[in-house]
């Protein structure tokens, strides 16, 4: 199984969450190859200075080339899922791509083009924290699929 997580985010050199992010990627290796890819460009930075709509269009433009396999977008307005529902989603395909939006979220059209949209709740989290939560849930989902006791 191959899982890619694309995030509209600047690469941080010494981020607080990096050791935990790497920890969950390493734990997941037993079950799947998990990659985290941050995308940020001058075009995204400029678009964010113009308006939220322009920024969302630029996020879509930057992420669309990476839409492959089963596509899952994180959207606070989507249905909240528990860990078991999340694990069932992971079982659907050997290649899964997750998308974490920028500061302004996603265009509705981008969300519609994805196979699933999920929410981790209505609260706002920083990109770094969302990445960590997503990677922990990926690991948890993989352990549920493989009957590993971590999820209990």
C-alpha atoms as a PDB file:
ATOM      1  CA  UNK A   1       0.000   0.000   0.000  1.00  0.00           C
ATOM      2  CA  UNK A   2       1.221   3.494  -0.895  1.00  0.00           C
ATOM      3  CA  UNK A   3      -0.131   6.535   0.919  1.00  0.00           C
ATOM      4  CA  UNK A   4       0.827  10.098  -0.003  1.00  0.00           C
ATOM      5  CA  UNK A   5      -0.129  13.157   2.017  1.00  0.00           C
ATOM      6  CA  UNK A   6       0.071  16.477   0.158  1.00  0.00           C
ATOM      7  CA  UNK A   7      -0.136  19.656   2.194  1.00  0.00           C
ATOM      8  CA  UNK A   8      -0.164  23.301   1.159  1.00  0.00           C
ATOM      9  CA  UNK A   9       2.476  24.348   3.648  1.00  0.00           C
ATOM     10  CA  UNK A  10       5.953  25.821   3.831  1.00  0.00           C
ATOM     11  CA  UNK A  11       8.638  23.344   4.733  1.00  0.00           C
ATOM     12  CA  UNK A  12       9.754  23.940   8.293  1.00  0.00           C
ATOM     13  CA  UNK A  13      13.312  23.194   9.247  1.00  0.00           C
ATOM     14  CA  UNK A  14      12.993  22.549  12.966  1.00  0.00           C
ATOM     15  CA  UNK A  15       9.327  22.126  13.577  1.00  0.00           C
ATOM     16  CA  UNK A  16       8.000  21.063  16.953  1.00  0.00           C
ATOM     17  CA  UNK A  17       5.927  18.197  15.497  1.00  0.00           C
ATOM     18  CA  UNK A  18       8.538  16.782  13.092  1.00  0.00           C
ATOM     19  CA  UNK A  19       9.815  14.063  15.455  1.00  0.00           C
ATOM     20  CA  UNK A  20       6.260  12.791  16.023  1.00  0.00           C
ATOM     21  CA  UNK A  21       5.423  13.022  12.325  1.00  0.00           C
ATOM     22  CA  UNK A  22       8.509  10.958  11.504  1.00  0.00           C
ATOM     23  CA  UNK A  23       7.589   8.539  14.322  1.00  0.00           C
ATOM     24  CA  UNK A  24       4.194   7.735  12.768  1.00  0.00           C
ATOM     25  CA  UNK A  25       5.643   7.451   9.271  1.00  0.00           C
ATOM     26  CA  UNK A  26       8.216   4.987  10.617  1.00  0.00           C
ATOM     27  CA  UNK A  27       5.590   2.964  12.535  1.00  0.00           C
ATOM     28  CA  UNK A  28       3.407   2.793   9.419  1.00  0.00           C
ATOM     29  CA  UNK A  29       6.236   1.293   7.314  1.00  0.00           C
ATOM     30  CA  UNK A  30       5.304  -2.163   8.560  1.00  0.00           C
ATOM     31  CA  UNK A  31       1.988  -1.864   6.683  1.00  0.00           C
ATOM     32  CA  UNK A  32       2.404   0.824   4.016  1.00  0.00           C
ATOM     33  CA  UNK A  33       4.767   3.304   2.425  1.00  0.00           C
ATOM     34  CA  UNK A  34       3.698   6.716   3.718  1.00  0.00           C
ATOM     35  CA  UNK A  35       5.070   9.938   2.232  1.00  0.00           C
ATOM     36  CA  UNK A  36       4.474  13.524   3.332  1.00  0.00           C
ATOM     37  CA  UNK A  37       4.905  16.179   0.643  1.00  0.00           C
ATOM     38  CA  UNK A  38       4.648  19.900   1.407  1.00  0.00           C
ATOM     39  CA  UNK A  39       3.817  22.166  -1.509  1.00  0.00           C
ATOM     40  CA  UNK A  40       4.323  25.894  -1.436  1.00  0.00           C
ATOM     41  CA  UNK A  41       5.372  28.315  -4.166  1.00  0.00           C
ATOM     42  CA  UNK A  42       5.674  32.003  -4.934  1.00  0.00           C
ATOM     43  CA  UNK A  43       2.388  31.716  -6.844  1.00  0.00           C
ATOM     44  CA  UNK A  44       0.630  30.391  -3.730  1.00  0.00           C
ATOM     45  CA  UNK A  45       2.136  33.142  -1.573  1.00  0.00           C
ATOM     46  CA  UNK A  46       1.040  35.830  -4.048  1.00  0.00           C
ATOM     47  CA  UNK A  47      -2.441  34.325  -4.425  1.00  0.00           C
ATOM     48  CA  UNK A  48      -2.945  34.324  -0.652  1.00  0.00           C
ATOM     49  CA  UNK A  49      -2.205  38.051  -0.653  1.00  0.00           C
ATOM     50  CA  UNK A  50      -4.916  38.692  -3.268  1.00  0.00           C
ATOM     51  CA  UNK A  51      -7.989  36.900  -1.884  1.00  0.00           C
ATOM     52  CA  UNK A  52      -9.259  33.619  -0.491  1.00  0.00           C
ATOM     53  CA  UNK A  53     -10.845  32.666  -3.839  1.00  0.00           C
ATOM     54  CA  UNK A  54      -7.618  33.281  -5.754  1.00  0.00           C
ATOM     55  CA  UNK A  55      -5.683  31.339  -3.111  1.00  0.00           C
ATOM     56  CA  UNK A  56      -8.068  28.364  -3.334  1.00  0.00           C
ATOM     57  CA  UNK A  57      -7.701  28.321  -7.131  1.00  0.00           C
ATOM     58  CA  UNK A  58      -3.930  28.267  -6.775  1.00  0.00           C
ATOM     59  CA  UNK A  59      -4.122  25.423  -4.220  1.00  0.00           C
ATOM     60  CA  UNK A  60      -6.214  23.410  -6.699  1.00  0.00           C
ATOM     61  CA  UNK A  61      -3.820  24.161  -9.541  1.00  0.00           C
ATOM     62  CA  UNK A  62      -0.870  23.050  -7.394  1.00  0.00           C
ATOM     63  CA  UNK A  63      -2.516  19.835  -6.149  1.00  0.00           C
ATOM     64  CA  UNK A  64      -4.427  18.607  -9.220  1.00  0.00           C
ATOM     65  CA  UNK A  65      -1.342  17.004 -10.847  1.00  0.00           C
ATOM     66  CA  UNK A  66      -1.039  14.788  -7.758  1.00  0.00           C
ATOM     67  CA  UNK A  67      -4.554  13.342  -7.879  1.00  0.00           C
ATOM     68  CA  UNK A  68      -4.035   9.610  -8.229  1.00  0.00           C
ATOM     69  CA  UNK A  69      -5.396   6.454  -6.692  1.00  0.00           C
ATOM     70  CA  UNK A  70      -8.109   6.965  -4.101  1.00  0.00           C
ATOM     71  CA  UNK A  71      -8.209  10.686  -3.301  1.00  0.00           C
ATOM     72  CA  UNK A  72      -9.202  12.003   0.116  1.00  0.00           C
ATOM     73  CA  UNK A  73      -9.488  15.671   1.011  1.00  0.00           C
ATOM     74  CA  UNK A  74      -9.564  16.977   4.574  1.00  0.00           C
ATOM     75  CA  UNK A  75     -12.425  19.430   4.878  1.00  0.00           C
ATOM     76  CA  UNK A  76     -13.889  20.708   8.169  1.00  0.00           C
ATOM     77  CA  UNK A  77     -17.330  20.841   6.504  1.00  0.00           C
ATOM     78  CA  UNK A  78     -17.261  17.169   5.539  1.00  0.00           C
ATOM     79  CA  UNK A  79     -18.598  14.222   7.487  1.00  0.00           C
ATOM     80  CA  UNK A  80     -16.706  13.396  10.641  1.00  0.00           C
ATOM     81  CA  UNK A  81     -15.441   9.821  10.675  1.00  0.00           C
ATOM     82  CA  UNK A  82     -14.316   7.618  13.522  1.00  0.00           C
ATOM     83  CA  UNK A  83     -11.155   5.519  13.367  1.00  0.00           C
ATOM     84  CA  UNK A  84     -13.004   2.410  12.185  1.00  0.00           C
ATOM     85  CA  UNK A  85     -14.695   4.264   9.306  1.00  0.00           C
ATOM     86  CA  UNK A  86     -11.325   5.787   8.469  1.00  0.00           C
ATOM     87  CA  UNK A  87      -9.700   2.323   8.380  1.00  0.00           C
ATOM     88  CA  UNK A  88     -12.425   1.041   6.014  1.00  0.00           C
ATOM     89  CA  UNK A  89     -11.554   3.883   3.654  1.00  0.00           C
ATOM     90  CA  UNK A  90      -7.882   2.807   3.722  1.00  0.00           C
ATOM     91  CA  UNK A  91      -8.883  -0.716   2.727  1.00  0.00           C
ATOM     92  CA  UNK A  92     -10.531   0.461  -0.505  1.00  0.00           C
ATOM     93  CA  UNK A  93      -7.370   1.013  -2.555  1.00  0.00           C
ATOM     94  CA  UNK A  94      -3.655   0.199  -2.614  1.00  0.00           C
ATOM     95  CA  UNK A  95      -2.771   3.786  -3.584  1.00  0.00           C
ATOM     96  CA  UNK A  96      -4.263   6.604  -1.531  1.00  0.00           C
ATOM     97  CA  UNK A  97      -3.609  10.334  -1.770  1.00  0.00           C
ATOM     98  CA  UNK A  98      -4.636  12.723   1.018  1.00  0.00           C
ATOM     99  CA  UNK A  99      -4.858  16.499   0.598  1.00  0.00           C
ATOM    100  CA  UNK A 100      -4.515  19.137   3.321  1.00  0.00           C
ATOM    101  CA  UNK A 101      -5.476  22.579   2.067  1.00  0.00           C
ATOM    102  CA  UNK A 102      -3.952  25.949   2.608  1.00  0.00           C
ATOM    103  CA  UNK A 103      -5.063  28.667   4.997  1.00  0.00           C
ATOM    104  CA  UNK A 104      -8.282  29.213   3.006  1.00  0.00           C
ATOM    105  CA  UNK A 105      -9.281  25.587   2.511  1.00  0.00           C
ATOM    106  CA  UNK A 106     -10.327  24.175  -0.852  1.00  0.00           C
ATOM    107  CA  UNK A 107     -12.483  25.145  -3.801  1.00  0.00           C
ATOM    108  CA  UNK A 108     -15.774  23.234  -3.836  1.00  0.00           C
ATOM    109  CA  UNK A 109     -14.885  21.824  -7.267  1.00  0.00           C
ATOM    110  CA  UNK A 110     -11.622  20.347  -5.960  1.00  0.00           C
ATOM    111  CA  UNK A 111     -13.486  18.698  -3.083  1.00  0.00           C
ATOM    112  CA  UNK A 112     -16.057  17.253  -5.526  1.00  0.00           C
ATOM    113  CA  UNK A 113     -13.290  15.744  -7.688  1.00  0.00           C
ATOM    114  CA  UNK A 114     -11.920  13.783  -4.724  1.00  0.00           C
ATOM    115  CA  UNK A 115     -13.311  10.343  -3.897  1.00  0.00           C
ATOM    116  CA  UNK A 116     -13.829  11.145  -0.207  1.00  0.00           C
ATOM    117  CA  UNK A 117     -13.852  14.204   2.015  1.00  0.00           C
ATOM    118  CA  UNK A 118     -13.432  13.766   5.745  1.00  0.00           C
ATOM    119  CA  UNK A 119     -13.385  16.004   8.768  1.00  0.00           C
ATOM    120  CA  UNK A 120     -11.456  15.692  12.013  1.00  0.00           C
ATOM    121  CA  UNK A 121     -13.920  18.090  13.603  1.00  0.00           C
ATOM    122  CA  UNK A 122     -15.030  21.680  13.324  1.00  0.00           C
ATOM    123  CA  UNK A 123     -12.126  23.102  15.298  1.00  0.00           C
ATOM    124  CA  UNK A 124      -9.303  24.857  13.494  1.00  0.00           C
ATOM    125  CA  UNK A 125      -5.876  23.242  13.744  1.00  0.00           C
ATOM    126  CA  UNK A 126      -2.527  24.406  12.443  1.00  0.00           C
ATOM    127  CA  UNK A 127      -1.221  22.618   9.350  1.00  0.00           C
ATOM    128  CA  UNK A 128       1.534  21.020  11.371  1.00  0.00           C
ATOM    129  CA  UNK A 129      -0.909  19.623  13.902  1.00  0.00           C
ATOM    130  CA  UNK A 130      -3.354  18.403  11.228  1.00  0.00           C
ATOM    131  CA  UNK A 131      -0.502  16.523   9.539  1.00  0.00           C
ATOM    132  CA  UNK A 132       0.358  14.859  12.832  1.00  0.00           C
ATOM    133  CA  UNK A 133      -3.283  13.922  13.540  1.00  0.00           C
ATOM    134  CA  UNK A 134      -3.712  12.560  10.007  1.00  0.00           C
ATOM    135  CA  UNK A 135      -0.539  10.470  10.201  1.00  0.00           C
ATOM    136  CA  UNK A 136      -1.569   9.075  13.592  1.00  0.00           C
ATOM    137  CA  UNK A 137      -4.978   8.156  12.161  1.00  0.00           C
ATOM    138  CA  UNK A 138      -3.348   6.527   9.143  1.00  0.00           C
ATOM    139  CA  UNK A 139      -1.224   4.423  11.492  1.00  0.00           C
ATOM    140  CA  UNK A 140      -4.243   3.662  13.692  1.00  0.00           C
ATOM    141  CA  UNK A 141      -6.280   2.680  10.613  1.00  0.00           C
ATOM    142  CA  UNK A 142      -3.507   0.401   9.388  1.00  0.00           C
ATOM    143  CA  UNK A 143      -3.338  -1.296  12.793  1.00  0.00           C
ATOM    144  CA  UNK A 144      -7.122  -1.803  12.777  1.00  0.00           C
ATOM    145  CA  UNK A 145      -6.916  -3.420   9.329  1.00  0.00           C
ATOM    146  CA  UNK A 146      -4.075  -5.673  10.515  1.00  0.00           C
ATOM    147  CA  UNK A 147      -5.565  -6.531  13.936  1.00  0.00           C
ATOM    148  CA  UNK A 148      -2.680  -4.942  15.797  1.00  0.00           C
ATOM    149  CA  UNK A 149      -3.558  -4.017  19.414  1.00  0.00           C
ATOM    150  CA  UNK A 150      -2.447  -0.344  19.096  1.00  0.00           C
ATOM    151  CA  UNK A 151      -5.988   0.775  18.257  1.00  0.00           C
ATOM    152  CA  UNK A 152      -7.522  -0.587  21.454  1.00  0.00           C
END
